[in-house]
Amino acid sequence: MKTIVVAGTASKVGKTTVASYILRSLSNHTFALKEKTEGMVGARYGRGLQHAGSTSYETRENTPVLFQHKRSWSALKITIRHEGSCPRHTDCDTCDDGYEPFKILTSDDIIREEGKDTDRLSTAGASKVVWLQSDSDVEKIGIEAALACFDKEHNLVIEGNSFLRVHDADVAVLVVSPSEKKIKRSARLLLNKIDFVVINVHQRHRTQEIEECREKTLALGYDVPFYVVNPCSEENYSNQAFIDKIQDILFKS
């Protein structure tokens, strides 16, 4: 099982949007040809957002290698409930006696409800979607139980910061947005877990806003490659380089 974690600095930075884009990109291609590539990524936004590289994979016969995605891609959404069993923390006796510290939801009636993040992940190409709702003090147990819902041959896109607190991942992405200034405490704890940062943008975002977002993230200590990605538009953005980076890491892991 290959795992890609999509974490975020805040709840509205677009984790589901980026996770869905990853699923669409990887699910739609049975094979991804790894060829030597040279060039700058995010050149539209100035030198600070450029990323250059050269990657070449060859067989012993000096022919290109095809990185095969035979395994299906599934998705796990993790929602952490920080209030626990009693959001009011009183003795009013109104809480459900059957309260569970974590729930694993797989029913299509819930997962495929229109407008839910889980439905977006399913529509994006996930062959199976599981939604874990867990109290923070039992997140490790909840995550282990949720992982057990997937077959070993499944590759997995995981949305949520908490996974990286208890597990390693093959690829760990941090999503930031020029529209969201808030930074979760959980994001600050992931400094040594993140492989690269995705600045999730819309066409309305100006170059200055994007650069300010990057500088703010760098100030937190995230000294990793940055990619400017617009899931709604391929033109003049780092979308393909972003997907190529994921495949590079998966190929090497």
Protein backbone atom coordinates (compact mmCIF):
# COMPACT_ATOMS: atom_id res chain seq x y z
CA MET A 1 0.00 0.00 0.00
CA LYS A 2 1.30 3.41 -1.03
CA THR A 3 0.07 6.33 1.06
CA ILE A 4 -0.24 10.00 0.11
CA VAL A 5 -1.22 12.34 2.93
CA VAL A 6 -2.80 15.72 2.21
CA ALA A 7 -2.48 17.95 5.28
CA GLY A 8 -3.24 21.66 5.58
CA THR A 9 -2.47 24.77 7.58
CA ALA A 10 -6.18 25.42 8.19
CA SER A 11 -9.59 23.91 7.53
CA LYS A 12 -10.40 26.04 4.46
CA VAL A 13 -7.18 25.86 2.46
CA GLY A 14 -8.57 23.25 0.05
CA LYS A 15 -7.29 19.88 1.28
CA THR A 16 -10.22 18.06 -0.32
CA THR A 17 -9.73 19.98 -3.57
CA VAL A 18 -6.06 19.01 -3.75
CA ALA A 19 -6.72 15.42 -2.64
CA SER A 20 -9.39 15.10 -5.34
CA TYR A 21 -7.01 16.49 -7.95
CA ILE A 22 -4.40 13.89 -6.96
CA LEU A 23 -6.98 11.11 -7.22
CA ARG A 24 -8.16 12.25 -10.64
CA SER A 25 -4.60 12.56 -11.92
CA LEU A 26 -3.41 9.18 -10.66
CA SER A 27 -6.60 7.23 -11.29
CA ASN A 28 -6.89 8.36 -14.91
CA HIS A 29 -3.46 7.05 -15.89
CA THR A 30 -2.67 3.35 -15.84
CA PHE A 31 0.93 4.12 -16.67
CA ALA A 32 3.04 7.21 -16.06
CA LEU A 33 6.11 7.42 -18.26
CA LYS A 34 9.13 8.82 -16.44
CA GLU A 35 11.18 10.83 -18.84
CA LYS A 36 14.01 13.30 -18.43
CA THR A 37 12.50 16.71 -17.81
CA GLU A 38 14.12 20.08 -17.51
CA GLY A 39 12.53 23.41 -16.77
CA MET A 40 11.17 25.76 -14.17
CA VAL A 41 8.00 25.24 -12.20
CA GLY A 42 5.75 28.14 -11.30
CA ALA A 43 7.73 30.57 -13.46
CA ARG A 44 4.66 32.75 -13.74
CA TYR A 45 5.16 33.82 -10.14
CA GLY A 46 8.82 34.82 -10.19
CA ARG A 47 12.11 33.25 -9.22
CA GLY A 48 11.04 32.51 -5.66
CA LEU A 49 8.61 29.87 -6.91
CA GLN A 50 10.79 28.24 -9.51
CA HIS A 51 11.83 24.64 -9.21
CA ALA A 52 14.14 22.98 -11.69
CA GLY A 53 15.07 19.35 -11.96
CA SER A 54 16.16 16.49 -14.14
CA THR A 55 14.81 13.02 -13.61
CA SER A 56 15.62 9.94 -15.62
CA TYR A 57 14.72 6.32 -14.92
CA GLU A 58 16.05 3.59 -17.17
CA THR A 59 16.12 -0.18 -17.25
CA ARG A 60 19.26 -2.24 -17.65
CA GLU A 61 18.62 -2.13 -21.41
CA ASN A 62 18.63 1.67 -21.20
CA THR A 63 14.94 1.94 -22.04
CA PRO A 64 12.39 4.09 -20.17
CA VAL A 65 10.65 2.56 -17.17
CA LEU A 66 6.90 2.67 -16.86
CA PHE A 67 5.67 3.28 -13.32
CA GLN A 68 2.55 1.14 -13.27
CA HIS A 69 -0.53 2.01 -11.21
CA LYS A 70 -2.18 -1.42 -11.31
CA ARG A 71 -3.52 -1.02 -7.82
CA SER A 72 -6.67 0.99 -7.29
CA TRP A 73 -6.63 4.30 -5.45
CA SER A 74 -8.85 4.73 -2.43
CA ALA A 75 -9.36 7.58 0.01
CA LEU A 76 -9.51 8.05 3.77
CA LYS A 77 -10.90 11.25 5.23
CA ILE A 78 -10.04 11.92 8.87
CA THR A 79 -12.05 14.31 11.01
CA ILE A 80 -10.80 14.89 14.56
CA ARG A 81 -13.38 15.88 17.17
CA HIS A 82 -11.59 17.94 19.78
CA GLU A 83 -14.62 18.48 22.03
CA GLY A 84 -14.85 14.83 23.12
CA SER A 85 -18.06 13.16 24.24
CA CYS A 86 -19.43 16.29 25.92
CA PRO A 87 -19.07 19.55 23.99
CA ARG A 88 -20.51 21.52 26.94
CA HIS A 89 -18.43 19.71 29.60
CA THR A 90 -21.32 19.77 32.06
CA ASP A 91 -23.40 17.18 33.93
CA CYS A 92 -26.63 17.93 32.09
CA ASP A 93 -27.16 14.26 31.12
CA THR A 94 -28.24 15.18 27.59
CA CYS A 95 -25.42 13.43 25.72
CA ASP A 96 -25.99 10.12 23.98
CA ASP A 97 -25.15 7.23 26.29
CA GLY A 98 -24.03 5.29 23.23
CA TYR A 99 -21.39 7.81 22.30
CA GLU A 100 -18.40 6.25 20.54
CA PRO A 101 -14.89 7.75 20.81
CA PHE A 102 -14.46 7.11 17.10
CA LYS A 103 -16.69 6.13 14.20
CA ILE A 104 -15.79 4.63 10.84
CA LEU A 105 -18.33 5.50 8.18
CA THR A 106 -18.49 3.54 4.91
CA SER A 107 -22.19 3.59 3.98
CA ASP A 108 -22.91 4.99 0.53
CA ASP A 109 -25.84 6.92 2.00
CA ILE A 110 -23.31 8.96 3.97
CA ILE A 111 -20.20 8.82 1.80
CA ARG A 112 -22.02 9.72 -1.45
CA GLU A 113 -24.21 12.46 0.02
CA GLU A 114 -24.04 15.32 -2.45
CA GLY A 115 -21.80 18.16 -1.34
CA LYS A 116 -19.82 16.19 1.22
CA ASP A 117 -16.05 15.99 0.96
CA THR A 118 -16.31 12.21 0.86
CA ASP A 119 -18.52 12.37 -2.23
CA ARG A 120 -15.97 14.64 -3.93
CA LEU A 121 -13.22 12.11 -3.22
CA SER A 122 -15.36 9.30 -4.59
CA THR A 123 -16.27 11.26 -7.70
CA ALA A 124 -12.59 12.07 -8.24
CA GLY A 125 -11.80 8.40 -8.75
CA ALA A 126 -11.42 6.74 -5.37
CA SER A 127 -12.53 3.11 -5.63
CA LYS A 128 -13.40 3.15 -1.93
CA VAL A 129 -13.85 6.01 0.54
CA VAL A 130 -13.79 5.67 4.33
CA TRP A 131 -14.58 8.51 6.73
CA LEU A 132 -13.05 8.36 10.21
CA GLN A 133 -14.52 10.61 12.89
CA SER A 134 -12.42 10.38 16.04
CA ASP A 135 -11.80 12.09 19.34
CA SER A 136 -8.26 13.44 19.52
CA ASP A 137 -7.26 11.19 22.42
CA VAL A 138 -8.00 8.00 20.48
CA GLU A 139 -6.90 9.08 17.01
CA LYS A 140 -4.20 6.42 16.76
CA ILE A 141 -6.61 3.58 17.51
CA GLY A 142 -9.18 5.09 15.16
CA ILE A 143 -6.68 5.43 12.32
CA GLU A 144 -5.51 1.84 12.70
CA ALA A 145 -9.12 0.65 12.59
CA ALA A 146 -9.82 2.78 9.51
CA LEU A 147 -6.75 1.45 7.68
CA ALA A 148 -7.99 -2.07 8.31
CA CYS A 149 -10.99 -1.26 6.09
CA PHE A 150 -8.75 -1.24 3.02
CA ASP A 151 -7.17 -4.15 1.21
CA LYS A 152 -3.38 -4.23 1.12
CA GLU A 153 -3.36 -3.84 -2.65
CA HIS A 154 -5.08 -0.45 -2.39
CA ASN A 155 -3.08 2.74 -2.70
CA LEU A 156 -4.42 5.42 -0.44
CA VAL A 157 -4.91 9.20 -0.47
CA ILE A 158 -5.46 10.38 3.10
CA GLU A 159 -6.93 13.77 3.94
CA GLY A 160 -6.11 15.07 7.40
CA ASN A 161 -3.23 16.30 9.55
CA SER A 162 -3.60 13.71 12.29
CA PHE A 163 -2.37 10.75 10.25
CA LEU A 164 1.20 12.09 10.23
CA ARG A 165 1.21 12.32 14.01
CA VAL A 166 0.95 8.54 14.33
CA HIS A 167 2.15 7.19 10.96
CA ASP A 168 4.71 7.79 8.27
CA ALA A 169 3.56 8.23 4.67
CA ASP A 170 5.19 7.67 1.29
CA VAL A 171 4.27 11.22 0.27
CA ALA A 172 3.24 14.05 2.61
CA VAL A 173 1.80 17.25 1.12
CA LEU A 174 1.00 20.44 3.03
CA VAL A 175 -1.72 22.60 1.44
CA VAL A 176 -1.72 26.36 2.00
CA SER A 177 -3.87 29.10 0.50
CA PRO A 178 -3.42 32.83 -0.03
CA SER A 179 -7.06 33.21 1.09
CA GLU A 180 -6.58 31.65 4.53
CA LYS A 181 -4.33 33.35 7.09
CA LYS A 182 -5.05 31.02 10.02
CA ILE A 183 -2.50 28.34 10.86
CA LYS A 184 -3.50 25.31 12.93
CA ARG A 185 -1.28 24.16 15.76
CA SER A 186 -1.32 20.70 14.19
CA ALA A 187 0.28 22.10 11.02
CA ARG A 188 3.14 23.58 13.03
CA LEU A 189 3.92 20.11 14.40
CA LEU A 190 4.47 18.58 10.96
CA LEU A 191 7.70 20.37 10.03
CA ASN A 192 9.76 17.20 9.71
CA LYS A 193 7.00 15.21 7.99
CA ILE A 194 6.26 17.29 4.89
CA ASP A 195 7.85 16.53 1.50
CA PHE A 196 6.61 19.65 -0.26
CA VAL A 197 4.08 22.48 -0.02
CA VAL A 198 1.22 23.12 -2.44
CA ILE A 199 -0.10 26.67 -2.72
CA ASN A 200 -3.71 26.07 -3.73
CA VAL A 201 -4.75 29.04 -5.85
CA HIS A 202 -7.58 30.41 -7.93
CA GLN A 203 -7.19 32.63 -10.94
CA ARG A 204 -8.25 35.61 -8.83
CA HIS A 205 -5.14 35.31 -6.64
CA ARG A 206 -2.50 37.86 -7.49
CA THR A 207 1.22 37.19 -7.72
CA GLN A 208 1.87 39.27 -4.60
CA GLU A 209 -0.68 37.28 -2.57
CA ILE A 210 0.90 34.01 -3.64
CA GLU A 211 4.39 35.18 -2.78
CA GLU A 212 3.23 36.45 0.63
CA CYS A 213 1.65 33.05 1.30
CA ARG A 214 4.92 31.34 0.42
CA GLU A 215 6.97 33.66 2.63
CA LYS A 216 4.62 33.12 5.56
CA THR A 217 4.92 29.36 5.19
CA LEU A 218 8.71 29.56 4.94
CA ALA A 219 8.70 31.59 8.17
CA LEU A 220 7.14 28.60 9.93
CA GLY A 221 10.18 26.54 9.00
CA TYR A 222 8.91 24.61 5.96
CA ASP A 223 12.10 24.63 3.92
CA VAL A 224 10.83 22.29 1.18
CA PRO A 225 9.89 22.69 -2.51
CA PHE A 226 6.78 24.76 -3.26
CA TYR A 227 4.31 24.17 -6.10
CA VAL A 228 1.65 26.64 -7.22
CA VAL A 229 -1.35 24.52 -8.19
CA ASN A 230 -4.72 25.47 -9.59
CA PRO A 231 -6.88 22.30 -9.76
CA CYS A 232 -9.36 24.14 -11.98
CA SER A 233 -6.83 25.28 -14.59
CA GLU A 234 -3.72 23.71 -16.11
CA GLU A 235 -2.47 26.86 -17.81
CA ASN A 236 0.61 28.57 -16.33
CA TYR A 237 0.53 26.57 -13.11
CA SER A 238 2.69 23.83 -11.59
CA ASN A 239 -0.02 21.16 -11.79
CA GLN A 240 1.84 18.59 -13.87
CA ALA A 241 5.12 19.17 -12.05
CA PHE A 242 3.23 18.60 -8.79
CA ILE A 243 1.89 15.23 -10.00
CA ASP A 244 5.30 14.32 -11.42
CA LYS A 245 6.86 15.01 -8.01
CA ILE A 246 4.40 12.65 -6.33
CA GLN A 247 5.18 9.93 -8.85
CA ASP A 248 8.91 10.47 -8.43
CA ILE A 249 8.65 9.92 -4.67
CA LEU A 250 6.35 6.89 -5.06
CA PHE A 251 8.71 5.37 -7.59
CA LYS A 252 11.69 5.74 -5.28
CA SER A 253 9.94 4.56 -2.09
